[in-house]
PDB file of all heavy atoms in Angstrom:
ATOM      1  N   SER A   1       0.839  -1.190   0.000  1.00  0.00           N
ATOM      2  CA  SER A   1       0.000   0.000   0.000  1.00  0.00           C
ATOM      3  C   SER A   1       0.873   1.238   0.000  1.00  0.00           C
ATOM      4  O   SER A   1       2.056   1.180   0.375  1.00  0.00           O
ATOM      5  CB  SER A   1      -0.919   0.028   1.229  1.00  0.00           C
ATOM      6  OG  SER A   1      -0.156   0.243   2.412  1.00  0.00           O
ATOM      7  N   GLY A   2       0.288   2.373  -0.394  1.00  0.00           N
ATOM      8  CA  GLY A   2       1.014   3.620  -0.346  1.00  0.00           C
ATOM      9  C   GLY A   2       1.440   3.983   1.059  1.00  0.00           C
ATOM     10  O   GLY A   2       2.536   4.531   1.274  1.00  0.00           O
ATOM     11  N   THR A   3       0.594   3.706   2.042  1.00  0.00           N
ATOM     12  CA  THR A   3       0.957   3.955   3.432  1.00  0.00           C
ATOM     13  C   THR A   3       2.210   3.186   3.809  1.00  0.00           C
ATOM     14  O   THR A   3       3.137   3.716   4.434  1.00  0.00           O
ATOM     15  CB  THR A   3      -0.204   3.569   4.368  1.00  0.00           C
ATOM     16  OG1 THR A   3      -1.288   4.468   4.175  1.00  0.00           O
ATOM     17  CG2 THR A   3       0.218   3.604   5.828  1.00  0.00           C
ATOM     18  N   GLU A   4       2.260   1.914   3.422  1.00  0.00           N
ATOM     19  CA  GLU A   4       3.426   1.085   3.736  1.00  0.00           C
ATOM     20  C   GLU A   4       4.676   1.616   3.037  1.00  0.00           C
ATOM     21  O   GLU A   4       5.781   1.581   3.583  1.00  0.00           O
ATOM     22  CB  GLU A   4       3.151  -0.357   3.322  1.00  0.00           C
ATOM     23  CG  GLU A   4       4.121  -1.360   3.882  1.00  0.00           C
ATOM     24  CD  GLU A   4       3.762  -2.791   3.523  1.00  0.00           C
ATOM     25  OE1 GLU A   4       2.582  -3.054   3.191  1.00  0.00           O
ATOM     26  OE2 GLU A   4       4.664  -3.638   3.546  1.00  0.00           O
ATOM     27  N   ALA A   5       4.497   2.133   1.819  1.00  0.00           N
ATOM     28  CA  ALA A   5       5.634   2.672   1.071  1.00  0.00           C
ATOM     29  C   ALA A   5       6.222   3.886   1.779  1.00  0.00           C
ATOM     30  O   ALA A   5       7.448   3.993   1.939  1.00  0.00           O
ATOM     31  CB  ALA A   5       5.206   3.031  -0.347  1.00  0.00           C
ATOM     32  N   THR A   6       5.372   4.828   2.197  1.00  0.00           N
ATOM     33  CA  THR A   6       5.900   6.036   2.854  1.00  0.00           C
ATOM     34  C   THR A   6       6.460   5.718   4.232  1.00  0.00           C
ATOM     35  O   THR A   6       7.497   6.261   4.626  1.00  0.00           O
ATOM     36  CB  THR A   6       4.816   7.128   2.961  1.00  0.00           C
ATOM     37  OG1 THR A   6       3.684   6.626   3.671  1.00  0.00           O
ATOM     38  CG2 THR A   6       4.380   7.591   1.588  1.00  0.00           C
ATOM     39  N   MET A   7       5.807   4.827   4.953  1.00  0.00           N
ATOM     40  CA  MET A   7       6.314   4.414   6.257  1.00  0.00           C
ATOM     41  C   MET A   7       7.714   3.819   6.116  1.00  0.00           C
ATOM     42  O   MET A   7       8.633   4.139   6.886  1.00  0.00           O
ATOM     43  CB  MET A   7       5.375   3.385   6.879  1.00  0.00           C
ATOM     44  CG  MET A   7       5.852   2.779   8.180  1.00  0.00           C
ATOM     45  SD  MET A   7       4.769   1.441   8.755  1.00  0.00           S
ATOM     46  CE  MET A   7       5.184   0.158   7.555  1.00  0.00           C
ATOM     47  N   SER A   8       7.901   2.974   5.125  1.00  0.00           N
ATOM     48  CA  SER A   8       9.190   2.310   4.927  1.00  0.00           C
ATOM     49  C   SER A   8      10.248   3.292   4.442  1.00  0.00           C
ATOM     50  O   SER A   8      11.421   3.200   4.840  1.00  0.00           O
ATOM     51  CB  SER A   8       9.029   1.166   3.919  1.00  0.00           C
ATOM     52  OG  SER A   8       8.066   0.230   4.355  1.00  0.00           O
ATOM     53  N   ALA A   9       9.849   4.231   3.580  1.00  0.00           N
ATOM     54  CA  ALA A   9      10.801   5.232   3.096  1.00  0.00           C
ATOM     55  C   ALA A   9      11.304   6.098   4.244  1.00  0.00           C
ATOM     56  O   ALA A   9      12.496   6.451   4.298  1.00  0.00           O
ATOM     57  CB  ALA A   9      10.160   6.093   2.005  1.00  0.00           C
ATOM     58  N   LEU A  10      10.424   6.461   5.166  1.00  0.00           N
ATOM     59  CA  LEU A  10      10.850   7.250   6.330  1.00  0.00           C
ATOM     60  C   LEU A  10      11.818   6.469   7.201  1.00  0.00           C
ATOM     61  O   LEU A  10      12.838   7.012   7.666  1.00  0.00           O
ATOM     62  CB  LEU A  10       9.642   7.660   7.162  1.00  0.00           C
ATOM     63  CG  LEU A  10       8.728   8.758   6.629  1.00  0.00           C
ATOM     64  CD1 LEU A  10       7.705   9.128   7.688  1.00  0.00           C
ATOM     65  CD2 LEU A  10       9.512   9.984   6.212  1.00  0.00           C
ATOM     66  N   ARG A  11      11.515   5.206   7.451  1.00  0.00           N
ATOM     67  CA  ARG A  11      12.422   4.390   8.269  1.00  0.00           C
ATOM     68  C   ARG A  11      13.793   4.290   7.605  1.00  0.00           C
ATOM     69  O   ARG A  11      14.831   4.397   8.259  1.00  0.00           O
ATOM     70  CB  ARG A  11      11.832   2.992   8.471  1.00  0.00           C
ATOM     71  CG  ARG A  11      12.702   2.088   9.343  1.00  0.00           C
ATOM     72  CD  ARG A  11      12.086   0.720   9.490  1.00  0.00           C
ATOM     73  NE  ARG A  11      10.761   0.813  10.085  1.00  0.00           N
ATOM     74  CZ  ARG A  11       9.836  -0.152  10.013  1.00  0.00           C
ATOM     75  NH1 ARG A  11      10.095  -1.267   9.371  1.00  0.00           N
ATOM     76  NH2 ARG A  11       8.666   0.021  10.582  1.00  0.00           N
ATOM     77  N   LEU A  12      13.790   4.104   6.287  1.00  0.00           N
ATOM     78  CA  LEU A  12      15.048   3.999   5.562  1.00  0.00           C
ATOM     79  C   LEU A  12      15.832   5.310   5.628  1.00  0.00           C
ATOM     80  O   LEU A  12      17.050   5.310   5.827  1.00  0.00           O
ATOM     81  CB  LEU A  12      14.763   3.621   4.102  1.00  0.00           C
ATOM     82  CG  LEU A  12      15.967   3.475   3.172  1.00  0.00           C
ATOM     83  CD1 LEU A  12      16.958   2.454   3.712  1.00  0.00           C
ATOM     84  CD2 LEU A  12      15.491   3.085   1.776  1.00  0.00           C
ATOM     85  N   ALA A  13      15.140   6.437   5.482  1.00  0.00           N
ATOM     86  CA  ALA A  13      15.812   7.735   5.546  1.00  0.00           C
ATOM     87  C   ALA A  13      16.416   7.966   6.921  1.00  0.00           C
ATOM     88  O   ALA A  13      17.546   8.479   7.049  1.00  0.00           O
ATOM     89  CB  ALA A  13      14.828   8.848   5.198  1.00  0.00           C
ATOM     90  N   ARG A  14      15.702   7.590   7.968  1.00  0.00           N
ATOM     91  CA  ARG A  14      16.236   7.751   9.320  1.00  0.00           C
ATOM     92  C   ARG A  14      17.429   6.831   9.543  1.00  0.00           C
ATOM     93  O   ARG A  14      18.421   7.202  10.175  1.00  0.00           O
ATOM     94  CB  ARG A  14      15.125   7.485  10.342  1.00  0.00           C
ATOM     95  CG  ARG A  14      14.150   8.652  10.470  1.00  0.00           C
ATOM     96  CD  ARG A  14      12.911   8.303  11.258  1.00  0.00           C
ATOM     97  NE  ARG A  14      12.232   9.509  11.719  1.00  0.00           N
ATOM     98  CZ  ARG A  14      10.932   9.574  12.007  1.00  0.00           C
ATOM     99  NH1 ARG A  14      10.159   8.491  11.856  1.00  0.00           N
ATOM    100  NH2 ARG A  14      10.396  10.703  12.421  1.00  0.00           N
ATOM    101  N   GLY A  15      17.347   5.608   8.998  1.00  0.00           N
ATOM    102  CA  GLY A  15      18.472   4.691   9.130  1.00  0.00           C
ATOM    103  C   GLY A  15      19.698   5.167   8.377  1.00  0.00           C
ATOM    104  O   GLY A  15      20.834   5.019   8.847  1.00  0.00           O
ATOM    105  N   PHE A  16      19.474   5.766   7.209  1.00  0.00           N
ATOM    106  CA  PHE A  16      20.593   6.221   6.368  1.00  0.00           C
ATOM    107  C   PHE A  16      21.288   7.432   6.975  1.00  0.00           C
ATOM    108  O   PHE A  16      22.523   7.525   6.955  1.00  0.00           O
ATOM    109  CB  PHE A  16      20.074   6.556   4.966  1.00  0.00           C
ATOM    110  CG  PHE A  16      21.160   6.943   3.991  1.00  0.00           C
ATOM    111  CD1 PHE A  16      21.894   5.976   3.326  1.00  0.00           C
ATOM    112  CD2 PHE A  16      21.435   8.279   3.740  1.00  0.00           C
ATOM    113  CE1 PHE A  16      22.895   6.328   2.426  1.00  0.00           C
ATOM    114  CE2 PHE A  16      22.435   8.650   2.845  1.00  0.00           C
ATOM    115  CZ  PHE A  16      23.162   7.669   2.188  1.00  0.00           C
ATOM    116  N   THR A  17      20.510   8.362   7.539  1.00  0.00           N
ATOM    117  CA  THR A  17      21.084   9.611   8.059  1.00  0.00           C
ATOM    118  C   THR A  17      21.453   9.528   9.530  1.00  0.00           C
ATOM    119  O   THR A  17      22.250  10.344  10.018  1.00  0.00           O
ATOM    120  CB  THR A  17      20.099  10.778   7.882  1.00  0.00           C
ATOM    121  OG1 THR A  17      18.903  10.498   8.631  1.00  0.00           O
ATOM    122  CG2 THR A  17      19.755  10.989   6.408  1.00  0.00           C
ATOM    123  N   GLY A  18      20.865   8.593  10.258  1.00  0.00           N
ATOM    124  CA  GLY A  18      21.065   8.540  11.699  1.00  0.00           C
ATOM    125  C   GLY A  18      20.359   9.656  12.439  1.00  0.00           C
ATOM    126  O   GLY A  18      20.666   9.928  13.608  1.00  0.00           O
ATOM    127  N   ARG A  19      19.402  10.309  11.790  1.00  0.00           N
ATOM    128  CA  ARG A  19      18.641  11.401  12.396  1.00  0.00           C
ATOM    129  C   ARG A  19      17.182  10.987  12.551  1.00  0.00           C
ATOM    130  O   ARG A  19      16.748   9.973  11.993  1.00  0.00           O
ATOM    131  CB  ARG A  19      18.741  12.651  11.527  1.00  0.00           C
ATOM    132  CG  ARG A  19      20.174  13.126  11.254  1.00  0.00           C
ATOM    133  CD  ARG A  19      20.180  14.233  10.230  1.00  0.00           C
ATOM    134  NE  ARG A  19      21.520  14.707   9.885  1.00  0.00           N
ATOM    135  CZ  ARG A  19      21.763  15.633   8.963  1.00  0.00           C
ATOM    136  NH1 ARG A  19      20.735  16.208   8.317  1.00  0.00           N
ATOM    137  NH2 ARG A  19      22.996  15.996   8.708  1.00  0.00           N
ATOM    138  N   SER A  20      16.404  11.808  13.273  1.00  0.00           N
ATOM    139  CA  SER A  20      15.032  11.392  13.579  1.00  0.00           C
ATOM    140  C   SER A  20      13.944  12.345  13.090  1.00  0.00           C
ATOM    141  O   SER A  20      12.798  11.926  12.906  1.00  0.00           O
ATOM    142  CB  SER A  20      14.866  11.204  15.089  1.00  0.00           C
ATOM    143  OG  SER A  20      15.167  12.409  15.780  1.00  0.00           O
ATOM    144  N   VAL A  21      14.249  13.626  12.883  1.00  0.00           N
ATOM    145  CA  VAL A  21      13.209  14.596  12.551  1.00  0.00           C
ATOM    146  C   VAL A  21      12.823  14.476  11.077  1.00  0.00           C
ATOM    147  O   VAL A  21      13.681  14.317  10.200  1.00  0.00           O
ATOM    148  CB  VAL A  21      13.677  16.034  12.856  1.00  0.00           C
ATOM    149  CG1 VAL A  21      12.670  17.064  12.359  1.00  0.00           C
ATOM    150  CG2 VAL A  21      13.908  16.191  14.366  1.00  0.00           C
ATOM    151  N   VAL A  22      11.519  14.554  10.812  1.00  0.00           N
ATOM    152  CA  VAL A  22      10.977  14.514   9.453  1.00  0.00           C
ATOM    153  C   VAL A  22      10.182  15.789   9.217  1.00  0.00           C
ATOM    154  O   VAL A  22       9.433  16.239  10.092  1.00  0.00           O
ATOM    155  CB  VAL A  22      10.071  13.283   9.247  1.00  0.00           C
ATOM    156  CG1 VAL A  22       9.357  13.352   7.904  1.00  0.00           C
ATOM    157  CG2 VAL A  22      10.888  12.009   9.357  1.00  0.00           C
ATOM    158  N   VAL A  23      10.338  16.372   8.044  1.00  0.00           N
ATOM    159  CA  VAL A  23       9.600  17.569   7.667  1.00  0.00           C
ATOM    160  C   VAL A  23       8.555  17.187   6.616  1.00  0.00           C
ATOM    161  O   VAL A  23       8.869  16.514   5.630  1.00  0.00           O
ATOM    162  CB  VAL A  23      10.533  18.651   7.082  1.00  0.00           C
ATOM    163  CG1 VAL A  23       9.731  19.867   6.633  1.00  0.00           C
ATOM    164  CG2 VAL A  23      11.574  19.056   8.120  1.00  0.00           C
ATOM    165  N   LYS A  24       7.310  17.603   6.836  1.00  0.00           N
ATOM    166  CA  LYS A  24       6.243  17.433   5.846  1.00  0.00           C
ATOM    167  C   LYS A  24       5.531  18.765   5.685  1.00  0.00           C
ATOM    168  O   LYS A  24       5.827  19.736   6.384  1.00  0.00           O
ATOM    169  CB  LYS A  24       5.261  16.342   6.253  1.00  0.00           C
ATOM    170  CG  LYS A  24       4.453  16.653   7.514  1.00  0.00           C
ATOM    171  CD  LYS A  24       3.128  15.895   7.544  1.00  0.00           C
ATOM    172  CE  LYS A  24       2.192  16.415   6.466  1.00  0.00           C
ATOM    173  NZ  LYS A  24       0.794  15.949   6.621  1.00  0.00           N
ATOM    174  N   PHE A  25       4.562  18.803   4.774  1.00  0.00           N
ATOM    175  CA  PHE A  25       3.861  20.051   4.483  1.00  0.00           C
ATOM    176  C   PHE A  25       2.366  19.897   4.750  1.00  0.00           C
ATOM    177  O   PHE A  25       1.766  18.856   4.454  1.00  0.00           O
ATOM    178  CB  PHE A  25       4.108  20.465   3.028  1.00  0.00           C
ATOM    179  CG  PHE A  25       5.550  20.776   2.759  1.00  0.00           C
ATOM    180  CD1 PHE A  25       6.374  19.817   2.204  1.00  0.00           C
ATOM    181  CD2 PHE A  25       6.089  22.008   3.122  1.00  0.00           C
ATOM    182  CE1 PHE A  25       7.720  20.073   2.000  1.00  0.00           C
ATOM    183  CE2 PHE A  25       7.431  22.277   2.916  1.00  0.00           C
ATOM    184  CZ  PHE A  25       8.253  21.310   2.352  1.00  0.00           C
ATOM    185  N   ALA A  26       1.779  20.946   5.312  1.00  0.00           N
ATOM    186  CA  ALA A  26       0.352  20.941   5.623  1.00  0.00           C
ATOM    187  C   ALA A  26      -0.454  20.708   4.349  1.00  0.00           C
ATOM    188  O   ALA A  26      -0.218  21.335   3.329  1.00  0.00           O
ATOM    189  CB  ALA A  26      -0.050  22.270   6.255  1.00  0.00           C
ATOM    190  N   GLY A  27      -1.404  19.791   4.439  1.00  0.00           N
ATOM    191  CA  GLY A  27      -2.250  19.480   3.307  1.00  0.00           C
ATOM    192  C   GLY A  27      -1.762  18.325   2.474  1.00  0.00           C
ATOM    193  O   GLY A  27      -2.514  17.786   1.661  1.00  0.00           O
ATOM    194  N   CYS A  28      -0.501  17.931   2.635  1.00  0.00           N
ATOM    195  CA  CYS A  28       0.018  16.747   1.946  1.00  0.00           C
ATOM    196  C   CYS A  28      -0.327  15.508   2.765  1.00  0.00           C
ATOM    197  O   CYS A  28      -0.112  15.475   3.974  1.00  0.00           O
ATOM    198  CB  CYS A  28       1.529  16.835   1.753  1.00  0.00           C
ATOM    199  SG  CYS A  28       2.058  18.029   0.507  1.00  0.00           S
ATOM    200  N   TYR A  29      -0.841  14.505   2.094  1.00  0.00           N
ATOM    201  CA  TYR A  29      -1.227  13.254   2.753  1.00  0.00           C
ATOM    202  C   TYR A  29      -0.303  12.148   2.276  1.00  0.00           C
ATOM    203  O   TYR A  29      -0.096  11.974   1.076  1.00  0.00           O
ATOM    204  CB  TYR A  29      -2.680  12.915   2.432  1.00  0.00           C
ATOM    205  CG  TYR A  29      -3.144  11.592   3.014  1.00  0.00           C
ATOM    206  CD1 TYR A  29      -3.330  11.456   4.386  1.00  0.00           C
ATOM    207  CD2 TYR A  29      -3.405  10.501   2.200  1.00  0.00           C
ATOM    208  CE1 TYR A  29      -3.764  10.256   4.934  1.00  0.00           C
ATOM    209  CE2 TYR A  29      -3.844   9.296   2.730  1.00  0.00           C
ATOM    210  CZ  TYR A  29      -4.015   9.169   4.096  1.00  0.00           C
ATOM    211  OH  TYR A  29      -4.443   7.982   4.633  1.00  0.00           O
ATOM    212  N   HIS A  30       0.239  11.402   3.232  1.00  0.00           N
ATOM    213  CA  HIS A  30       1.181  10.342   2.902  1.00  0.00           C
ATOM    214  C   HIS A  30       0.746   9.013   3.516  1.00  0.00           C
ATOM    215  O   HIS A  30       1.588   8.202   3.914  1.00  0.00           O
ATOM    216  CB  HIS A  30       2.576  10.714   3.396  1.00  0.00           C
ATOM    217  CG  HIS A  30       3.068  12.028   2.894  1.00  0.00           C
ATOM    218  ND1 HIS A  30       3.471  12.233   1.588  1.00  0.00           N
ATOM    219  CD2 HIS A  30       3.205  13.230   3.514  1.00  0.00           C
ATOM    220  CE1 HIS A  30       3.849  13.493   1.429  1.00  0.00           C
ATOM    221  NE2 HIS A  30       3.682  14.128   2.586  1.00  0.00           N
ATOM    222  N   GLY A  31      -0.570   8.800   3.573  1.00  0.00           N
ATOM    223  CA  GLY A  31      -1.073   7.590   4.198  1.00  0.00           C
ATOM    224  C   GLY A  31      -1.237   7.774   5.689  1.00  0.00           C
ATOM    225  O   GLY A  31      -0.884   8.797   6.268  1.00  0.00           O
ATOM    226  N   HIS A  32      -1.780   6.738   6.347  1.00  0.00           N
ATOM    227  CA  HIS A  32      -2.085   6.878   7.773  1.00  0.00           C
ATOM    228  C   HIS A  32      -0.918   6.397   8.646  1.00  0.00           C
ATOM    229  O   HIS A  32      -1.074   5.652   9.603  1.00  0.00           O
ATOM    230  CB  HIS A  32      -3.392   6.163   8.125  1.00  0.00           C
ATOM    231  CG  HIS A  32      -3.426   4.694   7.796  1.00  0.00           C
ATOM    232  ND1 HIS A  32      -3.749   4.222   6.550  1.00  0.00           N
ATOM    233  CD2 HIS A  32      -3.178   3.610   8.551  1.00  0.00           C
ATOM    234  CE1 HIS A  32      -3.714   2.906   6.551  1.00  0.00           C
ATOM    235  NE2 HIS A  32      -3.355   2.506   7.753  1.00  0.00           N
ATOM    236  N   VAL A  33       0.274   6.871   8.294  1.00  0.00           N
ATOM    237  CA  VAL A  33       1.460   6.617   9.107  1.00  0.00           C
ATOM    238  C   VAL A  33       1.400   7.496  10.353  1.00  0.00           C
ATOM    239  O   VAL A  33       1.136   8.696  10.243  1.00  0.00           O
ATOM    240  CB  VAL A  33       2.741   6.946   8.298  1.00  0.00           C
ATOM    241  CG1 VAL A  33       3.988   6.635   9.117  1.00  0.00           C
ATOM    242  CG2 VAL A  33       2.744   6.189   6.977  1.00  0.00           C
TER     243      VAL A  33
END
C-alpha cells in the first residue's frame, strides 16, 4: 500500500542519516502513518 511505502521510506531515511526529525507540508497526505 502507499501507506506502507511512505512508512518504509521514512524508516530507511532515518536509518541512512542517523537522524530522527521529518519535515512534511500541511495538506500533503502520505497515508495513515
